[in-house]
Amino acid sequence: MLCLSMVVILFACNGRDENKASGTDGWLKGDENQKLETIAKQLRGFDMAMVETGYRYQELYWAGKDENWEYASYQAEKIKVAIENGLERRPKRAESAQNFLNVALPEIDRAIASKDTAQFTQAFAALTANCLACHALEKVAYVTVKTPVERQSPVRK
């Protein structure tokens, strides 16, 4: 009986192969840490947060122009989430983002809540200025952000 218990314990401890490839078609290889590093590499750094933010920035602008306040609110929230997720991956950028997160985004939220297009336009200009200030602090001032001119999205009110 003792021997049987030892065999069960041995198999229980060795039953999981951490080096087994996983993911569709087995693209995640290596031990658990290597797999996590591969996933982190796929998520990338702050640049992917900026790609999402850029898309949502445009959507936010057009939503405000269309007076589609629910959609504008949704985009403002998603911008916040994208930046916060990016900061989780790249915490060294957090200080530069504080004014954007704590001043500019709440200001755009208030403008959206007011449903006043003039207030929205003013808050959006301040948001854009905050984008540029953050880029300057991060030494990427060459990434210039301007108010959208042409609508890319098919979303309309």
C-alpha atoms as a PDB file:
ATOM      1  CA  MET A   1       0.000   0.000   0.000  1.00  0.00           C
ATOM      2  CA  LEU A   2       2.852   2.372   0.832  1.00  0.00           C
ATOM      3  CA  CYS A   3       4.452   1.602  -2.523  1.00  0.00           C
ATOM      4  CA  LEU A   4       1.193   2.356  -4.361  1.00  0.00           C
ATOM      5  CA  SER A   5       0.873   5.677  -2.494  1.00  0.00           C
ATOM      6  CA  MET A   6       4.418   6.644  -3.495  1.00  0.00           C
ATOM      7  CA  VAL A   7       3.694   5.864  -7.164  1.00  0.00           C
ATOM      8  CA  VAL A   8       0.508   7.976  -7.073  1.00  0.00           C
ATOM      9  CA  ILE A   9       2.395  10.880  -5.482  1.00  0.00           C
ATOM     10  CA  LEU A  10       5.206  10.557  -8.031  1.00  0.00           C
ATOM     11  CA  PHE A  11       2.795  10.686 -10.968  1.00  0.00           C
ATOM     12  CA  ALA A  12       0.787  13.517  -9.402  1.00  0.00           C
ATOM     13  CA  CYS A  13       3.924  15.621  -9.050  1.00  0.00           C
ATOM     14  CA  ASN A  14       5.142  14.865 -12.554  1.00  0.00           C
ATOM     15  CA  GLY A  15       1.804  14.720 -14.341  1.00  0.00           C
ATOM     16  CA  ARG A  16       2.049  18.244 -15.738  1.00  0.00           C
ATOM     17  CA  ASP A  17       4.670  19.010 -18.346  1.00  0.00           C
ATOM     18  CA  GLU A  18       5.449  22.734 -18.095  1.00  0.00           C
ATOM     19  CA  ASN A  19       7.539  22.539 -21.262  1.00  0.00           C
ATOM     20  CA  LYS A  20       4.670  21.219 -23.356  1.00  0.00           C
ATOM     21  CA  ALA A  21       3.856  23.582 -26.223  1.00  0.00           C
ATOM     22  CA  SER A  22       0.497  25.281 -25.861  1.00  0.00           C
ATOM     23  CA  GLY A  23      -1.623  27.810 -27.683  1.00  0.00           C
ATOM     24  CA  THR A  24      -3.206  27.270 -31.076  1.00  0.00           C
ATOM     25  CA  ASP A  25      -0.756  25.250 -33.162  1.00  0.00           C
ATOM     26  CA  GLY A  26       1.640  25.084 -30.198  1.00  0.00           C
ATOM     27  CA  TRP A  27       3.215  28.510 -30.681  1.00  0.00           C
ATOM     28  CA  LEU A  28       3.845  28.957 -26.941  1.00  0.00           C
ATOM     29  CA  LYS A  29       6.942  26.953 -26.147  1.00  0.00           C
ATOM     30  CA  GLY A  30       9.227  26.516 -23.171  1.00  0.00           C
ATOM     31  CA  ASP A  31       8.600  26.516 -19.457  1.00  0.00           C
ATOM     32  CA  GLU A  32       5.936  28.670 -17.812  1.00  0.00           C
ATOM     33  CA  ASN A  33       8.208  31.729 -17.518  1.00  0.00           C
ATOM     34  CA  GLN A  34       9.274  31.497 -21.157  1.00  0.00           C
ATOM     35  CA  LYS A  35       5.632  31.295 -22.225  1.00  0.00           C
ATOM     36  CA  LEU A  36       4.788  34.363 -20.140  1.00  0.00           C
ATOM     37  CA  GLU A  37       7.717  36.254 -21.685  1.00  0.00           C
ATOM     38  CA  THR A  38       6.477  35.303 -25.151  1.00  0.00           C
ATOM     39  CA  ILE A  39       3.004  36.595 -24.334  1.00  0.00           C
ATOM     40  CA  ALA A  40       4.458  39.811 -22.872  1.00  0.00           C
ATOM     41  CA  LYS A  41       6.496  40.291 -26.042  1.00  0.00           C
ATOM     42  CA  GLN A  42       3.328  39.941 -28.111  1.00  0.00           C
ATOM     43  CA  LEU A  43       1.544  42.573 -25.976  1.00  0.00           C
ATOM     44  CA  ARG A  44       4.565  44.842 -26.443  1.00  0.00           C
ATOM     45  CA  GLY A  45       5.218  48.028 -24.546  1.00  0.00           C
ATOM     46  CA  PHE A  46       3.664  51.452 -24.509  1.00  0.00           C
ATOM     47  CA  ASP A  47       3.660  51.742 -28.291  1.00  0.00           C
ATOM     48  CA  MET A  48       0.640  49.452 -28.596  1.00  0.00           C
ATOM     49  CA  ALA A  49      -1.196  51.494 -25.975  1.00  0.00           C
ATOM     50  CA  MET A  50      -0.525  54.539 -28.158  1.00  0.00           C
ATOM     51  CA  VAL A  51      -1.829  52.781 -31.276  1.00  0.00           C
ATOM     52  CA  GLU A  52      -5.098  52.101 -29.485  1.00  0.00           C
ATOM     53  CA  THR A  53      -5.166  55.592 -27.986  1.00  0.00           C
ATOM     54  CA  GLY A  54      -4.646  57.157 -31.418  1.00  0.00           C
ATOM     55  CA  TYR A  55      -7.568  55.241 -32.864  1.00  0.00           C
ATOM     56  CA  ARG A  56      -9.803  56.101 -29.917  1.00  0.00           C
ATOM     57  CA  TYR A  57      -8.679  59.753 -29.983  1.00  0.00           C
ATOM     58  CA  GLN A  58     -10.071  60.034 -33.512  1.00  0.00           C
ATOM     59  CA  GLU A  59     -13.281  58.238 -32.567  1.00  0.00           C
ATOM     60  CA  LEU A  60     -13.664  60.522 -29.542  1.00  0.00           C
ATOM     61  CA  TYR A  61     -13.314  63.603 -31.702  1.00  0.00           C
ATOM     62  CA  TRP A  62     -15.919  62.534 -34.245  1.00  0.00           C
ATOM     63  CA  ALA A  63     -18.286  61.316 -31.537  1.00  0.00           C
ATOM     64  CA  GLY A  64     -18.155  64.777 -29.969  1.00  0.00           C
ATOM     65  CA  LYS A  65     -18.693  66.477 -33.310  1.00  0.00           C
ATOM     66  CA  ASP A  66     -21.682  64.190 -33.947  1.00  0.00           C
ATOM     67  CA  GLU A  67     -22.976  64.860 -30.427  1.00  0.00           C
ATOM     68  CA  ASN A  68     -22.942  61.108 -29.889  1.00  0.00           C
ATOM     69  CA  TRP A  69     -22.204  61.585 -26.202  1.00  0.00           C
ATOM     70  CA  GLU A  70     -22.519  57.944 -25.171  1.00  0.00           C
ATOM     71  CA  TYR A  71     -19.982  56.912 -27.792  1.00  0.00           C
ATOM     72  CA  ALA A  72     -17.716  59.799 -26.797  1.00  0.00           C
ATOM     73  CA  SER A  73     -17.878  58.704 -23.163  1.00  0.00           C
ATOM     74  CA  TYR A  74     -17.098  55.132 -24.180  1.00  0.00           C
ATOM     75  CA  GLN A  75     -14.032  56.256 -26.159  1.00  0.00           C
ATOM     76  CA  ALA A  76     -12.760  58.481 -23.336  1.00  0.00           C
ATOM     77  CA  GLU A  77     -13.014  55.551 -20.918  1.00  0.00           C
ATOM     78  CA  LYS A  78     -11.206  53.233 -23.346  1.00  0.00           C
ATOM     79  CA  ILE A  79      -8.419  55.793 -23.777  1.00  0.00           C
ATOM     80  CA  LYS A  80      -7.975  55.776 -20.005  1.00  0.00           C
ATOM     81  CA  VAL A  81      -7.902  51.961 -19.916  1.00  0.00           C
ATOM     82  CA  ALA A  82      -5.422  51.766 -22.817  1.00  0.00           C
ATOM     83  CA  ILE A  83      -3.041  54.200 -21.142  1.00  0.00           C
ATOM     84  CA  GLU A  84      -3.357  52.563 -17.721  1.00  0.00           C
ATOM     85  CA  ASN A  85      -2.683  49.146 -19.269  1.00  0.00           C
ATOM     86  CA  GLY A  86       0.325  50.586 -21.080  1.00  0.00           C
ATOM     87  CA  LEU A  87       1.614  52.074 -17.827  1.00  0.00           C
ATOM     88  CA  GLU A  88       1.284  48.700 -16.165  1.00  0.00           C
ATOM     89  CA  ARG A  89       3.652  47.336 -18.807  1.00  0.00           C
ATOM     90  CA  ARG A  90       5.908  50.422 -18.769  1.00  0.00           C
ATOM     91  CA  PRO A  91       5.655  52.065 -15.322  1.00  0.00           C
ATOM     92  CA  LYS A  92       8.580  54.413 -16.030  1.00  0.00           C
ATOM     93  CA  ARG A  93       6.182  56.439 -18.209  1.00  0.00           C
ATOM     94  CA  ALA A  94       3.668  56.966 -15.390  1.00  0.00           C
ATOM     95  CA  GLU A  95       4.908  60.359 -14.230  1.00  0.00           C
ATOM     96  CA  SER A  96       4.542  61.864 -17.705  1.00  0.00           C
ATOM     97  CA  ALA A  97       0.983  60.559 -18.007  1.00  0.00           C
ATOM     98  CA  GLN A  98      -0.327  61.936 -14.702  1.00  0.00           C
ATOM     99  CA  ASN A  99      -1.587  65.283 -16.012  1.00  0.00           C
ATOM    100  CA  PHE A 100      -3.280  63.555 -18.926  1.00  0.00           C
ATOM    101  CA  LEU A 101      -4.990  61.008 -16.677  1.00  0.00           C
ATOM    102  CA  ASN A 102      -5.819  63.319 -13.775  1.00  0.00           C
ATOM    103  CA  VAL A 103      -6.609  66.599 -15.547  1.00  0.00           C
ATOM    104  CA  ALA A 104      -7.189  66.284 -19.296  1.00  0.00           C
ATOM    105  CA  LEU A 105      -9.349  63.155 -19.278  1.00  0.00           C
ATOM    106  CA  PRO A 106     -11.581  64.308 -16.404  1.00  0.00           C
ATOM    107  CA  GLU A 107     -11.991  67.609 -18.269  1.00  0.00           C
ATOM    108  CA  ILE A 108     -13.128  65.793 -21.419  1.00  0.00           C
ATOM    109  CA  ASP A 109     -15.449  63.668 -19.276  1.00  0.00           C
ATOM    110  CA  ARG A 110     -17.064  66.818 -17.865  1.00  0.00           C
ATOM    111  CA  ALA A 111     -17.453  68.267 -21.356  1.00  0.00           C
ATOM    112  CA  ILE A 112     -19.096  65.059 -22.566  1.00  0.00           C
ATOM    113  CA  ALA A 113     -21.432  65.028 -19.564  1.00  0.00           C
ATOM    114  CA  SER A 114     -22.424  68.638 -20.306  1.00  0.00           C
ATOM    115  CA  LYS A 115     -23.390  67.692 -23.883  1.00  0.00           C
ATOM    116  CA  ASP A 116     -22.109  71.092 -24.932  1.00  0.00           C
ATOM    117  CA  THR A 117     -20.205  71.010 -28.232  1.00  0.00           C
ATOM    118  CA  ALA A 118     -18.342  74.262 -27.509  1.00  0.00           C
ATOM    119  CA  GLN A 119     -17.146  72.907 -24.155  1.00  0.00           C
ATOM    120  CA  PHE A 120     -16.228  69.613 -25.829  1.00  0.00           C
ATOM    121  CA  THR A 121     -14.213  71.413 -28.528  1.00  0.00           C
ATOM    122  CA  GLN A 122     -12.307  73.359 -25.873  1.00  0.00           C
ATOM    123  CA  ALA A 123     -11.668  70.242 -23.758  1.00  0.00           C
ATOM    124  CA  PHE A 124     -10.569  68.301 -26.826  1.00  0.00           C
ATOM    125  CA  ALA A 125      -8.031  71.028 -27.661  1.00  0.00           C
ATOM    126  CA  ALA A 126      -6.708  70.759 -24.080  1.00  0.00           C
ATOM    127  CA  LEU A 127      -6.561  66.970 -24.428  1.00  0.00           C
ATOM    128  CA  THR A 128      -4.521  67.343 -27.615  1.00  0.00           C
ATOM    129  CA  ALA A 129      -2.156  69.792 -25.889  1.00  0.00           C
ATOM    130  CA  ASN A 130      -1.709  67.229 -23.096  1.00  0.00           C
ATOM    131  CA  CYS A 131      -0.839  64.556 -25.650  1.00  0.00           C
ATOM    132  CA  LEU A 132       1.877  66.804 -27.051  1.00  0.00           C
ATOM    133  CA  ALA A 133       3.190  67.705 -23.586  1.00  0.00           C
ATOM    134  CA  CYS A 134       3.428  64.044 -22.618  1.00  0.00           C
ATOM    135  CA  HIS A 135       5.228  63.227 -25.861  1.00  0.00           C
ATOM    136  CA  ALA A 136       7.725  66.017 -25.155  1.00  0.00           C
ATOM    137  CA  LEU A 137       8.334  64.703 -21.621  1.00  0.00           C
ATOM    138  CA  GLU A 138       8.966  61.241 -23.051  1.00  0.00           C
ATOM    139  CA  LYS A 139      11.376  62.661 -25.656  1.00  0.00           C
ATOM    140  CA  VAL A 140       9.150  61.723 -28.595  1.00  0.00           C
ATOM    141  CA  ALA A 141       8.024  65.261 -29.478  1.00  0.00           C
ATOM    142  CA  TYR A 142       8.303  64.253 -33.130  1.00  0.00           C
ATOM    143  CA  VAL A 143       5.059  62.309 -32.577  1.00  0.00           C
ATOM    144  CA  THR A 144       2.763  65.245 -33.224  1.00  0.00           C
ATOM    145  CA  VAL A 145      -0.961  64.951 -32.652  1.00  0.00           C
ATOM    146  CA  LYS A 146      -3.443  67.163 -34.432  1.00  0.00           C
ATOM    147  CA  THR A 147      -7.195  67.419 -34.498  1.00  0.00           C
ATOM    148  CA  PRO A 148      -8.549  64.882 -37.008  1.00  0.00           C
ATOM    149  CA  VAL A 149      -9.475  66.251 -40.416  1.00  0.00           C
ATOM    150  CA  GLU A 150     -10.860  63.211 -42.204  1.00  0.00           C
ATOM    151  CA  ARG A 151     -13.067  60.606 -40.606  1.00  0.00           C
ATOM    152  CA  GLN A 152     -11.674  57.075 -40.871  1.00  0.00           C
ATOM    153  CA  SER A 153     -14.450  55.226 -39.085  1.00  0.00           C
ATOM    154  CA  PRO A 154     -17.862  54.295 -40.435  1.00  0.00           C
ATOM    155  CA  VAL A 155     -19.410  54.911 -36.987  1.00  0.00           C
ATOM    156  CA  ARG A 156     -21.984  57.703 -37.153  1.00  0.00           C
ATOM    157  CA  LYS A 157     -24.813  58.890 -34.950  1.00  0.00           C
END
